[in-house]
Amino acid sequence: MRRVIVDTDTAGDDTQALALSVLTDRLSVEAVTVVAGNVDFDRQVENAKYTLSLVDATDIPVYEGARSPLVKSHEHATEIHGEGGLGGDLFPDTDIDSAEGFAPDEIVARCRESPGEVTLLCIGPLTNIALAHAREESLPELVDEVWVMGGAVECRGNVTPAAEFNVWADPDAARRVVDAFDVTLVDWGLCLRTALGPDTLEEIDAIDTDLADFFREVTRVVRDRGEAAGLDGITQPDGLAAALLAYPELRERVESYPVTVDDREGLTRGYTSVDFEGVTDEPADTRVVEAADSEGFADVILAMLRERDPDAVFE
């Protein structure tokens, strides 16, 4: 079982990634760290706690981290996730206390305590990870793996033509993390290629469970936006990242490239530069998941929502 810290800007698809990470027996979620990103920070904290309550995991500590990017300002993504991040009508107040301590400090402490044993699943902007690295220069050697949902590889961005939201929101942090760590990248293009299609959404609509109700609520805005734009289905970027971490069976092609991030302001802020041809002579130390089993991913989500058992697909 892989030990994991989930670093999240908890909104709709983050909740599904968090639920999956808790419910699978492949991962052991030891802490959740919250970072500025999708919606108001305090709402993100409550969203994380509420999700943990839905999967009977309120014993997992939630640490509050960076409330703003390292350098640049950013805008929230409420047009995608709703005002509070959970579809627009759900604003939980769990009355669960956050754990004491600053998230980057906790990341460092846990990795120092168990060198080589903790994986970071990063499904928001990378501010907390950059701050943790600033506190501990050896962090890249102390972690097991670093999985990042972010970037736009050979596709247009989803917040600007050049950039995907998580990288765009804090490009300075993203550059520092990608340059320092051997990252496994789950990018926006892969998320588009593994979107949950109409047949899967129809199956989800027929499921009568609390997790299926929750899924329908938190994806309501993005489904409405997709239908209005003529899109066939919805993406689940963070859930995909969690599933690919938990289930190597879903990874169909993974290649390593030199990767860096444009941290300048302007049209290319947050652009993910992937050196496919090796022209930069930089080390190919970023693993990019280029293809994944979209049907298998859909089956994992369905099993989680029906039975609270995403592992059932592989049994």
Protein backbone atom coordinates (compact mmCIF):
# COMPACT_ATOMS: atom_id res chain seq x y z
CA MET A 1 0.00 0.00 0.00
CA ARG A 2 1.41 3.37 -1.05
CA ARG A 3 1.52 6.11 1.59
CA VAL A 4 0.15 9.38 0.21
CA ILE A 5 -0.30 13.04 1.07
CA VAL A 6 -3.03 14.63 -1.07
CA ASP A 7 -2.37 18.30 -1.82
CA THR A 8 -5.59 19.87 -3.07
CA ASP A 9 -7.53 23.06 -3.87
CA THR A 10 -10.68 21.17 -3.10
CA ALA A 11 -13.50 21.71 -5.59
CA GLY A 12 -15.61 19.33 -7.65
CA ASP A 13 -13.11 16.97 -9.27
CA ASP A 14 -10.74 17.22 -6.30
CA THR A 15 -13.46 15.70 -4.12
CA GLN A 16 -13.67 12.65 -6.36
CA ALA A 17 -9.90 12.23 -6.32
CA LEU A 18 -9.89 12.48 -2.54
CA ALA A 19 -12.74 9.99 -2.17
CA LEU A 20 -11.05 7.54 -4.51
CA SER A 21 -7.70 7.89 -2.72
CA VAL A 22 -9.35 7.10 0.61
CA LEU A 23 -11.56 4.25 -0.59
CA THR A 24 -8.96 2.29 -2.56
CA ASP A 25 -6.88 -0.23 -0.65
CA ARG A 26 -3.97 0.62 -2.94
CA LEU A 27 -3.33 3.95 -1.18
CA SER A 28 -3.08 5.07 2.42
CA VAL A 29 -3.93 8.76 2.72
CA GLU A 30 -1.98 10.03 5.71
CA ALA A 31 -2.76 13.74 5.40
CA VAL A 32 -4.59 16.26 3.24
CA THR A 33 -2.98 19.64 2.58
CA VAL A 34 -4.97 22.53 1.15
CA VAL A 35 -3.56 25.13 -1.25
CA ALA A 36 -4.96 28.31 -2.83
CA GLY A 37 -6.61 27.63 -6.16
CA ASN A 38 -10.10 26.85 -7.37
CA VAL A 39 -12.30 28.83 -4.97
CA ASP A 40 -12.12 30.76 -1.69
CA PHE A 41 -9.51 29.12 0.53
CA ASP A 42 -11.74 28.53 3.55
CA ARG A 43 -14.36 26.93 1.35
CA GLN A 44 -11.70 24.57 -0.02
CA VAL A 45 -10.80 23.54 3.53
CA GLU A 46 -14.43 22.79 4.36
CA ASN A 47 -14.88 20.94 1.07
CA ALA A 48 -11.97 18.65 1.93
CA LYS A 49 -13.33 17.92 5.39
CA TYR A 50 -16.84 17.32 4.04
CA THR A 51 -15.52 14.87 1.45
CA LEU A 52 -13.61 12.98 4.13
CA SER A 53 -16.80 12.80 6.19
CA LEU A 54 -18.64 11.21 3.25
CA VAL A 55 -16.10 8.39 3.10
CA ASP A 56 -15.85 7.95 6.89
CA ALA A 57 -12.30 9.28 7.04
CA THR A 58 -12.46 12.31 9.32
CA ASP A 59 -9.50 10.86 11.22
CA ILE A 60 -7.26 11.97 8.34
CA PRO A 61 -5.79 15.35 9.31
CA VAL A 62 -6.40 18.38 7.09
CA TYR A 63 -3.60 20.96 7.11
CA GLU A 64 -4.07 24.49 5.81
CA GLY A 65 -1.34 25.73 3.51
CA ALA A 66 -0.64 28.66 1.21
CA ARG A 67 -3.56 31.06 0.86
CA SER A 68 -2.09 32.74 -2.21
CA PRO A 69 0.41 31.93 -4.99
CA LEU A 70 4.11 32.56 -4.43
CA VAL A 71 4.33 35.76 -6.48
CA LYS A 72 1.48 36.40 -8.87
CA SER A 73 -2.22 36.95 -8.26
CA HIS A 74 -4.75 34.55 -9.75
CA GLU A 75 -8.48 34.25 -10.29
CA HIS A 76 -10.68 31.50 -8.91
CA ALA A 77 -12.45 28.98 -11.14
CA THR A 78 -15.97 29.43 -9.76
CA GLU A 79 -17.38 29.43 -13.29
CA ILE A 80 -16.36 25.76 -13.48
CA HIS A 81 -17.08 24.55 -9.95
CA GLY A 82 -19.74 26.92 -8.65
CA GLU A 83 -19.30 29.66 -6.07
CA GLY A 84 -18.26 27.40 -3.21
CA GLY A 85 -16.59 24.74 -5.34
CA LEU A 86 -19.24 22.03 -4.93
CA GLY A 87 -21.68 22.87 -7.69
CA GLY A 88 -23.03 26.15 -6.43
CA ASP A 89 -25.66 25.05 -3.91
CA LEU A 90 -23.62 23.07 -1.40
CA PHE A 91 -21.72 25.01 1.27
CA PRO A 92 -20.81 22.53 4.00
CA ASP A 93 -19.92 23.56 7.54
CA THR A 94 -18.42 20.45 9.09
CA ASP A 95 -17.31 21.89 12.44
CA ILE A 96 -14.18 19.73 12.07
CA ASP A 97 -10.99 21.38 13.28
CA SER A 98 -8.02 21.72 10.95
CA ALA A 99 -4.83 20.06 12.11
CA GLU A 100 -2.28 22.29 13.79
CA GLY A 101 0.65 23.40 11.68
CA PHE A 102 1.35 24.84 8.24
CA ALA A 103 0.92 22.40 5.36
CA PRO A 104 4.39 22.84 3.79
CA ASP A 105 6.01 22.26 7.18
CA GLU A 106 3.95 19.11 7.64
CA ILE A 107 4.94 17.80 4.22
CA VAL A 108 8.59 18.27 5.11
CA ALA A 109 8.20 16.69 8.56
CA ARG A 110 6.46 13.59 7.26
CA CYS A 111 8.97 13.08 4.44
CA ARG A 112 11.89 13.52 6.85
CA GLU A 113 10.35 11.02 9.24
CA SER A 114 9.83 8.39 6.52
CA PRO A 115 12.35 9.07 3.74
CA GLY A 116 11.44 7.45 0.44
CA GLU A 117 8.06 6.24 1.69
CA VAL A 118 5.62 9.11 1.07
CA THR A 119 4.16 10.01 -2.32
CA LEU A 120 2.72 13.47 -3.02
CA LEU A 121 -0.47 13.53 -5.05
CA CYS A 122 -0.72 17.15 -6.17
CA ILE A 123 -4.10 18.06 -7.64
CA GLY A 124 -3.98 21.84 -7.23
CA PRO A 125 -1.46 24.61 -7.83
CA LEU A 126 1.99 23.65 -6.59
CA THR A 127 2.53 26.44 -4.04
CA ASN A 128 2.64 24.16 -0.99
CA ILE A 129 5.18 21.85 -2.63
CA ALA A 130 7.41 24.76 -3.67
CA LEU A 131 7.29 26.15 -0.14
CA ALA A 132 8.09 22.73 1.30
CA HIS A 133 11.09 22.46 -1.02
CA ALA A 134 12.28 25.91 0.05
CA ARG A 135 12.26 24.62 3.64
CA GLU A 136 14.03 21.35 2.79
CA GLU A 137 16.35 21.32 -0.24
CA SER A 138 16.64 17.53 -0.01
CA LEU A 139 12.88 17.01 -0.35
CA PRO A 140 13.19 15.60 -3.90
CA GLU A 141 15.33 12.80 -2.44
CA LEU A 142 13.06 12.31 0.58
CA VAL A 143 9.78 11.74 -1.30
CA ASP A 144 8.83 8.49 -3.00
CA GLU A 145 7.07 9.96 -6.06
CA VAL A 146 5.43 13.27 -6.98
CA TRP A 147 2.30 13.04 -9.12
CA VAL A 148 0.98 16.30 -10.57
CA MET A 149 -2.32 17.00 -12.29
CA GLY A 150 -1.37 19.99 -14.40
CA GLY A 151 -0.07 21.37 -17.65
CA ALA A 152 -1.24 21.28 -21.23
CA VAL A 153 0.85 18.90 -23.34
CA GLU A 154 0.21 19.12 -27.09
CA CYS A 155 -3.18 20.73 -26.50
CA ARG A 156 -4.66 24.14 -25.77
CA GLY A 157 -4.99 25.25 -22.22
CA ASN A 158 -8.24 25.48 -20.30
CA VAL A 159 -7.73 28.91 -18.69
CA THR A 160 -5.74 30.61 -21.48
CA PRO A 161 -4.77 29.32 -24.92
CA ALA A 162 -1.35 28.48 -23.51
CA ALA A 163 -2.02 27.16 -20.01
CA GLU A 164 -3.90 24.74 -17.80
CA PHE A 165 -5.36 26.21 -14.58
CA ASN A 166 -3.21 24.54 -11.89
CA VAL A 167 0.03 25.59 -13.58
CA TRP A 168 -1.28 29.01 -14.61
CA ALA A 169 -2.51 29.80 -11.08
CA ASP A 170 1.04 29.63 -9.69
CA PRO A 171 3.54 29.30 -12.54
CA ASP A 172 6.45 30.27 -10.30
CA ALA A 173 5.74 27.34 -7.98
CA ALA A 174 5.11 24.99 -10.90
CA ARG A 175 8.44 25.83 -12.48
CA ARG A 176 10.31 25.30 -9.23
CA VAL A 177 8.64 21.94 -8.61
CA VAL A 178 9.01 20.58 -12.13
CA ASP A 179 12.65 21.68 -12.24
CA ALA A 180 13.52 20.21 -8.83
CA PHE A 181 11.51 16.97 -8.65
CA ASP A 182 11.15 13.91 -10.87
CA VAL A 183 7.46 14.53 -11.52
CA THR A 184 4.87 12.28 -13.10
CA LEU A 185 2.56 14.57 -15.05
CA VAL A 186 -1.14 13.97 -15.77
CA ASP A 187 -1.95 16.81 -18.12
CA TRP A 188 -5.12 18.47 -19.41
CA GLY A 189 -4.81 16.82 -22.83
CA LEU A 190 -4.90 13.36 -21.27
CA CYS A 191 -7.93 14.41 -19.23
CA LEU A 192 -9.75 15.38 -22.43
CA ARG A 193 -8.90 12.02 -24.00
CA THR A 194 -10.26 10.12 -20.99
CA ALA A 195 -13.40 12.18 -20.37
CA LEU A 196 -16.46 10.43 -18.95
CA GLY A 197 -18.84 10.09 -21.89
CA PRO A 198 -22.64 10.27 -22.09
CA ASP A 199 -23.10 6.53 -21.49
CA THR A 200 -21.08 6.68 -18.28
CA LEU A 201 -22.91 9.79 -17.10
CA GLU A 202 -26.23 8.06 -17.81
CA GLU A 203 -25.12 5.12 -15.66
CA ILE A 204 -24.09 7.49 -12.88
CA ASP A 205 -27.47 9.23 -13.05
CA ALA A 206 -29.14 5.87 -12.37
CA ILE A 207 -27.08 5.11 -9.25
CA ASP A 208 -28.90 5.72 -5.96
CA THR A 209 -26.12 6.25 -3.41
CA ASP A 210 -24.85 9.19 -1.40
CA LEU A 211 -21.60 9.27 -3.37
CA ALA A 212 -23.46 9.31 -6.70
CA ASP A 213 -25.69 12.12 -5.42
CA PHE A 214 -22.56 14.01 -4.40
CA PHE A 215 -20.93 13.44 -7.80
CA ARG A 216 -23.99 14.75 -9.61
CA GLU A 217 -24.07 17.86 -7.43
CA VAL A 218 -20.40 18.77 -7.74
CA THR A 219 -20.34 18.22 -11.52
CA ARG A 220 -23.58 20.05 -12.25
CA VAL A 221 -21.99 23.31 -13.39
CA VAL A 222 -19.33 21.67 -15.52
CA ARG A 223 -21.93 19.41 -17.14
CA ASP A 224 -24.15 22.36 -17.97
CA ARG A 225 -21.18 24.26 -19.41
CA GLY A 226 -20.13 21.27 -21.47
CA GLU A 227 -23.58 20.75 -22.92
CA ALA A 228 -23.85 24.45 -23.77
CA ALA A 229 -20.48 24.29 -25.54
CA GLY A 230 -21.38 21.10 -27.39
CA LEU A 231 -18.91 18.93 -25.47
CA ASP A 232 -19.64 15.22 -25.27
CA GLY A 233 -19.09 14.27 -21.64
CA ILE A 234 -17.06 15.75 -18.76
CA THR A 235 -13.47 15.60 -17.64
CA GLN A 236 -12.38 14.43 -14.19
CA PRO A 237 -8.76 15.58 -14.11
CA ASP A 238 -8.01 15.07 -10.43
CA GLY A 239 -9.88 11.79 -10.23
CA LEU A 240 -7.87 10.59 -13.22
CA ALA A 241 -4.59 11.51 -11.53
CA ALA A 242 -5.60 9.61 -8.39
CA ALA A 243 -6.71 6.59 -10.41
CA LEU A 244 -3.49 6.48 -12.44
CA LEU A 245 -1.46 6.65 -9.24
CA ALA A 246 -3.46 3.88 -7.58
CA TYR A 247 -3.87 1.61 -10.60
CA PRO A 248 -0.83 1.15 -12.85
CA GLU A 249 -3.10 -1.07 -14.96
CA LEU A 250 -4.72 2.08 -16.33
CA ARG A 251 -1.45 3.56 -17.63
CA GLU A 252 -1.12 2.71 -21.30
CA ARG A 253 1.87 4.85 -22.30
CA VAL A 254 4.28 6.83 -20.14
CA GLU A 255 7.28 8.65 -21.63
CA SER A 256 9.97 10.84 -20.07
CA TYR A 257 10.88 14.29 -21.39
CA PRO A 258 12.62 17.48 -20.33
CA VAL A 259 9.82 19.72 -19.04
CA THR A 260 9.76 23.24 -17.65
CA VAL A 261 7.16 25.97 -17.10
CA ASP A 262 7.03 29.56 -18.38
CA ASP A 263 6.71 31.63 -15.22
CA ARG A 264 6.61 35.03 -16.96
CA GLU A 265 3.51 37.19 -17.06
CA GLY A 266 1.84 37.61 -20.44
CA LEU A 267 0.35 35.42 -23.12
CA THR A 268 2.45 32.37 -22.27
CA ARG A 269 2.16 32.49 -18.47
CA GLY A 270 1.96 28.90 -17.26
CA TYR A 271 2.87 27.33 -20.60
CA THR A 272 4.21 23.80 -20.10
CA SER A 273 7.26 23.36 -22.31
CA VAL A 274 7.81 19.70 -23.20
CA ASP A 275 10.98 18.99 -25.18
CA PHE A 276 9.81 16.07 -27.30
CA GLU A 277 12.81 16.25 -29.65
CA GLY A 278 15.52 16.64 -27.02
CA VAL A 279 16.79 19.92 -28.43
CA THR A 280 17.40 21.59 -25.04
CA ASP A 281 19.92 19.00 -23.81
CA GLU A 282 18.12 19.07 -20.46
CA PRO A 283 17.53 15.82 -18.54
CA ALA A 284 14.38 13.89 -19.43
CA ASP A 285 13.27 13.63 -15.81
CA THR A 286 9.52 14.30 -16.10
CA ARG A 287 7.31 11.31 -16.79
CA VAL A 288 4.30 12.26 -18.91
CA VAL A 289 1.33 9.89 -18.97
CA GLU A 290 0.49 10.07 -22.67
CA ALA A 291 -2.25 7.44 -22.89
CA ALA A 292 -4.60 5.84 -20.38
CA ASP A 293 -7.45 3.32 -20.35
CA SER A 294 -10.51 5.57 -20.49
CA GLU A 295 -12.99 2.68 -20.16
CA GLY A 296 -11.11 1.32 -17.17
CA PHE A 297 -11.12 4.75 -15.56
CA ALA A 298 -14.87 5.06 -16.08
CA ASP A 299 -15.34 1.63 -14.51
CA VAL A 300 -13.32 2.72 -11.45
CA ILE A 301 -15.52 5.79 -10.97
CA LEU A 302 -18.70 3.73 -11.38
CA ALA A 303 -17.53 1.12 -8.86
CA MET A 304 -16.65 3.85 -6.39
CA LEU A 305 -20.03 5.56 -6.72
CA ARG A 306 -22.04 2.31 -6.66
CA GLU A 307 -20.20 0.24 -4.09
CA ARG A 308 -17.67 2.56 -2.43
CA ASP A 309 -15.11 0.08 -3.78
CA PRO A 310 -13.07 1.35 -6.74
CA ASP A 311 -10.78 -1.68 -6.40
CA ALA A 312 -13.64 -3.99 -7.46
CA VAL A 313 -12.72 -3.37 -11.11
CA PHE A 314 -9.43 -5.22 -10.64
CA GLU A 315 -10.55 -8.07 -8.40
